[in-house]
Amino acid sequence: MDGNKPLRKRRILKTITWRTVATSITVVVAYILTGRLEIAGSIGLLDGSIKMVSYYAHESIWDKIKI
């Protein structure tokens, strides 16, 4: 089980960094479309949260599949 710790940490860091970049793009697009920073921030927060959780779960499931 200790061998999985570096992989888990890498997966978490990869998830956070990738979603930060992608969510930043979503916030910018939402701001351009709405002109309101509060709405753009809310959309970005929701987008980032949902996608981080789903990406982490997806990666975890694929790690368990033996190909």
Foldseek 3Di string as FASTA:
>chain_A
DVVCVVVLVVQLVVLVVVLVVVLVVQLVVVCVVPVDNVVSVVVSVVSSVVSSVVSSVVVVVVVPDDD
